[in-house]
Amino acid sequence: MLENLGERIRKLRIQKGFGLNEFAKILDISPGYLSQLETGKTENINFTLLQRLQEELALLPLNIEPNDEATARLNRAIQLLRTLDNKDKVAAEFLIHNLETSIDWFMNKKFR
């Protein structure tokens, strides 16, 4: 499992534009340990680190639902919004409001 988890960590880290050293510093771990996690060379990961990875990368799905792309993307967006809400409530509210308004607009436009 850690091999797949490590691959996912690396993929998401790179997608977010973090270098290995930079991301290790954010996580408060050594770059060597992060490298070992990403390559599956260690089986040791503590819960606190797993929580930090979840906060930074929305790494693990929290809800078990049908495995389709839309659901996965919505779950990731929810996790990102929760993280943003903890850092900047005004920005999170702005995004949520705009999403709701946009959905309402499209629903009304399509069904008239």
C-alpha atoms as a PDB file:
ATOM      1  CA  MET A   1       0.000   0.000   0.000  1.00  0.00           C
ATOM      2  CA  LEU A   2       2.774   2.477   0.824  1.00  0.00           C
ATOM      3  CA  GLU A   3       4.179   2.113  -2.686  1.00  0.00           C
ATOM      4  CA  ASN A   4       0.928   3.367  -4.139  1.00  0.00           C
ATOM      5  CA  LEU A   5       0.611   5.970  -1.398  1.00  0.00           C
ATOM      6  CA  GLY A   6       4.138   7.160  -2.087  1.00  0.00           C
ATOM      7  CA  GLU A   7       3.469   7.422  -5.807  1.00  0.00           C
ATOM      8  CA  ARG A   8       0.341   9.433  -5.059  1.00  0.00           C
ATOM      9  CA  ILE A   9       2.227  11.753  -2.693  1.00  0.00           C
ATOM     10  CA  ARG A  10       4.883  12.424  -5.340  1.00  0.00           C
ATOM     11  CA  LYS A  11       2.319  12.995  -8.101  1.00  0.00           C
ATOM     12  CA  LEU A  12       0.234  15.422  -6.043  1.00  0.00           C
ATOM     13  CA  ARG A  13       3.338  17.206  -4.686  1.00  0.00           C
ATOM     14  CA  ILE A  14       4.590  17.800  -8.224  1.00  0.00           C
ATOM     15  CA  GLN A  15       1.125  18.904  -9.411  1.00  0.00           C
ATOM     16  CA  LYS A  16       1.107  21.533  -6.659  1.00  0.00           C
ATOM     17  CA  GLY A  17       4.549  22.705  -7.794  1.00  0.00           C
ATOM     18  CA  PHE A  18       6.502  21.748  -4.670  1.00  0.00           C
ATOM     19  CA  GLY A  19      10.065  20.507  -4.839  1.00  0.00           C
ATOM     20  CA  LEU A  20      11.076  17.628  -2.573  1.00  0.00           C
ATOM     21  CA  ASN A  21      13.068  19.808  -0.147  1.00  0.00           C
ATOM     22  CA  GLU A  22      10.411  22.521  -0.039  1.00  0.00           C
ATOM     23  CA  PHE A  23       7.602  20.056   0.657  1.00  0.00           C
ATOM     24  CA  ALA A  24       9.632  18.211   3.301  1.00  0.00           C
ATOM     25  CA  LYS A  25      10.110  21.540   5.081  1.00  0.00           C
ATOM     26  CA  ILE A  26       6.337  22.222   4.942  1.00  0.00           C
ATOM     27  CA  LEU A  27       5.710  18.775   6.449  1.00  0.00           C
ATOM     28  CA  ASP A  28       8.498  19.252   9.022  1.00  0.00           C
ATOM     29  CA  ILE A  29      10.279  16.054   7.978  1.00  0.00           C
ATOM     30  CA  SER A  30      13.628  15.389   6.353  1.00  0.00           C
ATOM     31  CA  PRO A  31      13.865  15.331   2.545  1.00  0.00           C
ATOM     32  CA  GLY A  32      15.372  11.849   2.822  1.00  0.00           C
ATOM     33  CA  TYR A  33      12.368  10.539   4.717  1.00  0.00           C
ATOM     34  CA  LEU A  34       9.974  12.108   2.192  1.00  0.00           C
ATOM     35  CA  SER A  35      11.943  10.514  -0.631  1.00  0.00           C
ATOM     36  CA  GLN A  36      11.733   7.127   1.105  1.00  0.00           C
ATOM     37  CA  LEU A  37       7.954   7.535   1.496  1.00  0.00           C
ATOM     38  CA  GLU A  38       7.528   8.457  -2.154  1.00  0.00           C
ATOM     39  CA  THR A  39       9.586   5.524  -3.389  1.00  0.00           C
ATOM     40  CA  GLY A  40       8.011   3.034  -0.984  1.00  0.00           C
ATOM     41  CA  LYS A  41      11.330   2.337   0.764  1.00  0.00           C
ATOM     42  CA  THR A  42       9.856   2.877   4.219  1.00  0.00           C
ATOM     43  CA  GLU A  43       6.805   1.406   5.865  1.00  0.00           C
ATOM     44  CA  ASN A  44       6.830   3.875   8.747  1.00  0.00           C
ATOM     45  CA  ILE A  45       4.361   6.751   8.665  1.00  0.00           C
ATOM     46  CA  ASN A  46       2.790   8.283  11.728  1.00  0.00           C
ATOM     47  CA  PHE A  47      -0.739   9.575  11.986  1.00  0.00           C
ATOM     48  CA  THR A  48       0.333  13.210  12.433  1.00  0.00           C
ATOM     49  CA  LEU A  49       2.242  13.120   9.142  1.00  0.00           C
ATOM     50  CA  LEU A  50      -0.699  11.438   7.427  1.00  0.00           C
ATOM     51  CA  GLN A  51      -2.938  14.277   8.668  1.00  0.00           C
ATOM     52  CA  ARG A  52      -0.499  16.894   7.339  1.00  0.00           C
ATOM     53  CA  LEU A  53      -0.355  15.128   3.970  1.00  0.00           C
ATOM     54  CA  GLN A  54      -4.155  15.097   3.857  1.00  0.00           C
ATOM     55  CA  GLU A  55      -4.303  18.822   4.616  1.00  0.00           C
ATOM     56  CA  GLU A  56      -1.707  19.739   1.984  1.00  0.00           C
ATOM     57  CA  LEU A  57      -2.632  17.315  -0.794  1.00  0.00           C
ATOM     58  CA  ALA A  58      -6.171  16.042  -0.075  1.00  0.00           C
ATOM     59  CA  LEU A  59      -4.413  12.717  -0.407  1.00  0.00           C
ATOM     60  CA  LEU A  60      -7.020  10.202   0.685  1.00  0.00           C
ATOM     61  CA  PRO A  61     -10.716  10.104  -0.163  1.00  0.00           C
ATOM     62  CA  LEU A  62     -12.688  10.580   3.020  1.00  0.00           C
ATOM     63  CA  ASN A  63     -15.990   9.316   1.684  1.00  0.00           C
ATOM     64  CA  ILE A  64     -16.450   5.973   0.028  1.00  0.00           C
ATOM     65  CA  GLU A  65     -18.643   6.676  -2.981  1.00  0.00           C
ATOM     66  CA  PRO A  66     -18.901   5.490  -6.553  1.00  0.00           C
ATOM     67  CA  ASN A  67     -15.491   5.620  -8.164  1.00  0.00           C
ATOM     68  CA  ASP A  68     -16.100   8.069 -10.968  1.00  0.00           C
ATOM     69  CA  GLU A  69     -14.046  11.097 -11.955  1.00  0.00           C
ATOM     70  CA  ALA A  70     -16.701  13.682 -11.075  1.00  0.00           C
ATOM     71  CA  THR A  71     -17.102  12.298  -7.556  1.00  0.00           C
ATOM     72  CA  ALA A  72     -13.342  12.144  -7.034  1.00  0.00           C
ATOM     73  CA  ARG A  73     -12.944  15.730  -8.218  1.00  0.00           C
ATOM     74  CA  LEU A  74     -15.795  16.944  -6.019  1.00  0.00           C
ATOM     75  CA  ASN A  75     -14.334  15.170  -2.976  1.00  0.00           C
ATOM     76  CA  ARG A  76     -10.932  16.742  -3.670  1.00  0.00           C
ATOM     77  CA  ALA A  77     -12.555  20.178  -4.071  1.00  0.00           C
ATOM     78  CA  ILE A  78     -14.327  19.731  -0.724  1.00  0.00           C
ATOM     79  CA  GLN A  79     -11.063  18.876   1.003  1.00  0.00           C
ATOM     80  CA  LEU A  80      -9.320  21.849  -0.594  1.00  0.00           C
ATOM     81  CA  LEU A  81     -12.168  24.170   0.429  1.00  0.00           C
ATOM     82  CA  ARG A  82     -11.955  22.917   4.013  1.00  0.00           C
ATOM     83  CA  THR A  83      -8.227  23.585   4.056  1.00  0.00           C
ATOM     84  CA  LEU A  84      -8.752  27.034   2.544  1.00  0.00           C
ATOM     85  CA  ASP A  85     -11.520  27.759   5.062  1.00  0.00           C
ATOM     86  CA  ASN A  86      -9.058  27.087   7.884  1.00  0.00           C
ATOM     87  CA  LYS A  87      -6.578  29.542   6.352  1.00  0.00           C
ATOM     88  CA  ASP A  88      -8.856  32.163   4.760  1.00  0.00           C
ATOM     89  CA  LYS A  89     -12.579  32.038   5.543  1.00  0.00           C
ATOM     90  CA  VAL A  90     -13.408  34.982   3.253  1.00  0.00           C
ATOM     91  CA  ALA A  91     -11.761  33.329   0.227  1.00  0.00           C
ATOM     92  CA  ALA A  92     -13.495  30.014   0.946  1.00  0.00           C
ATOM     93  CA  GLU A  93     -16.883  31.727   1.293  1.00  0.00           C
ATOM     94  CA  PHE A  94     -16.275  33.608  -1.972  1.00  0.00           C
ATOM     95  CA  LEU A  95     -15.586  30.365  -3.851  1.00  0.00           C
ATOM     96  CA  ILE A  96     -18.541  28.518  -2.318  1.00  0.00           C
ATOM     97  CA  HIS A  97     -20.904  31.407  -3.045  1.00  0.00           C
ATOM     98  CA  ASN A  98     -19.731  31.621  -6.659  1.00  0.00           C
ATOM     99  CA  LEU A  99     -20.057  27.873  -7.144  1.00  0.00           C
ATOM    100  CA  GLU A 100     -23.607  27.875  -5.773  1.00  0.00           C
ATOM    101  CA  THR A 101     -24.567  30.904  -7.860  1.00  0.00           C
ATOM    102  CA  SER A 102     -23.083  29.373 -11.009  1.00  0.00           C
ATOM    103  CA  ILE A 103     -24.874  26.065 -10.494  1.00  0.00           C
ATOM    104  CA  ASP A 104     -28.174  27.890  -9.938  1.00  0.00           C
ATOM    105  CA  TRP A 105     -27.613  29.934 -13.115  1.00  0.00           C
ATOM    106  CA  PHE A 106     -26.893  26.843 -15.230  1.00  0.00           C
ATOM    107  CA  MET A 107     -29.823  24.919 -13.749  1.00  0.00           C
ATOM    108  CA  ASN A 108     -32.243  27.759 -14.476  1.00  0.00           C
ATOM    109  CA  LYS A 109     -30.855  28.313 -17.969  1.00  0.00           C
ATOM    110  CA  LYS A 110     -31.115  24.647 -18.961  1.00  0.00           C
ATOM    111  CA  PHE A 111     -34.585  23.989 -17.628  1.00  0.00           C
ATOM    112  CA  ARG A 112     -36.433  27.038 -18.933  1.00  0.00           C
END
